[in-house]
Amino acid sequence: MNLGILETALIVIVIVLIIMSVIWLVALIEILKSNFKKHSKAIWLLTVIFVPFFGAIIYFIIGRTRRIAPDRAE
C-alpha cells in the first residue's frame, strides 16, 4: 500500500491524539478515585480539564505524590 506523505501524517496525528486522549482520561479517572487534602482534588480536576495534555502530565509527575493513602483518608 503506497500512502502519500499527507496520509501518513494524518495517521500519525490520529494516533498521537488517541494516545493523548487516553492519558487525559486516565488522569481524570485517577483523580476522581483518589483522596486528596482539602481542595486539591478540585484544583487537579480543573488543571487537567482546562490544560488537557500538559495538565495530565503535570498530575502524573506531581499530583500522584499528593494523594492521601486510602487508610489515612480524611
Protein backbone atom coordinates (compact mmCIF):
# COMPACT_ATOMS: atom_id res chain seq x y z
CA MET A 1 0.00 0.00 0.00
CA ASN A 2 1.52 3.28 -1.11
CA LEU A 3 0.48 6.10 1.20
CA GLY A 4 1.40 9.66 0.44
CA ILE A 5 3.05 11.95 2.94
CA LEU A 6 -0.27 13.60 3.87
CA GLU A 7 -1.99 10.30 4.57
CA THR A 8 0.95 9.15 6.69
CA ALA A 9 0.97 12.42 8.60
CA LEU A 10 -2.77 12.13 9.20
CA ILE A 11 -2.38 8.61 10.57
CA VAL A 12 0.42 9.73 12.91
CA ILE A 13 -1.64 12.71 14.12
CA VAL A 14 -4.67 10.50 14.81
CA ILE A 15 -2.54 8.00 16.75
CA VAL A 16 -0.96 10.80 18.81
CA LEU A 17 -4.40 12.30 19.55
CA ILE A 18 -5.71 8.93 20.67
CA ILE A 19 -2.72 8.44 22.99
CA MET A 20 -3.13 11.95 24.41
CA SER A 21 -6.85 11.35 24.97
CA VAL A 22 -6.19 8.10 26.82
CA ILE A 23 -3.60 9.78 29.07
CA TRP A 24 -6.06 12.61 29.78
CA LEU A 25 -8.90 10.19 30.56
CA VAL A 26 -6.73 8.04 32.84
CA ALA A 27 -5.66 11.16 34.75
CA LEU A 28 -9.28 12.26 35.21
CA ILE A 29 -10.39 8.82 36.42
CA GLU A 30 -7.45 8.53 38.79
CA ILE A 31 -8.12 11.98 40.27
CA LEU A 32 -11.80 11.19 40.78
CA LYS A 33 -11.00 7.87 42.51
CA SER A 34 -8.26 9.27 44.77
CA ASN A 35 -8.39 11.19 48.03
CA PHE A 36 -6.58 14.49 48.40
CA LYS A 37 -6.21 17.07 51.14
CA LYS A 38 -8.90 19.78 51.24
CA HIS A 39 -9.46 21.36 47.80
CA SER A 40 -6.60 19.64 46.00
CA LYS A 41 -8.93 17.30 44.09
CA ALA A 42 -10.85 20.25 42.61
CA ILE A 43 -7.63 22.03 41.69
CA TRP A 44 -6.24 18.93 39.95
CA LEU A 45 -9.52 18.35 38.11
CA LEU A 46 -9.60 21.94 36.87
CA THR A 47 -5.95 21.76 35.84
CA VAL A 48 -6.45 18.55 33.85
CA ILE A 49 -9.69 19.78 32.27
CA PHE A 50 -8.52 23.27 31.27
CA VAL A 51 -4.94 22.34 30.32
CA PRO A 52 -5.72 18.91 28.85
CA PHE A 53 -2.49 17.16 27.93
CA PHE A 54 0.03 19.14 29.95
CA GLY A 55 -2.25 19.15 32.99
CA ALA A 56 -2.40 15.35 32.89
CA ILE A 57 1.39 15.09 32.56
CA ILE A 58 1.86 17.52 35.47
CA TYR A 59 -0.59 15.46 37.52
CA PHE A 60 1.31 12.25 36.86
CA ILE A 61 4.61 13.91 37.79
CA ILE A 62 3.50 15.93 40.83
CA GLY A 63 -0.10 15.16 41.75
CA ARG A 64 0.21 11.44 42.37
CA THR A 65 2.59 12.14 45.25
CA ARG A 66 0.00 14.48 46.81
CA ARG A 67 -2.65 11.78 47.20
CA ILE A 68 -3.70 10.54 50.63
CA ALA A 69 -3.26 6.82 51.27
CA PRO A 70 -6.65 5.02 51.46
CA ASP A 71 -6.21 4.11 55.15
CA ARG A 72 -5.40 7.74 56.04
CA ALA A 73 -8.28 9.34 54.11
CA GLU A 74 -9.99 12.20 55.89
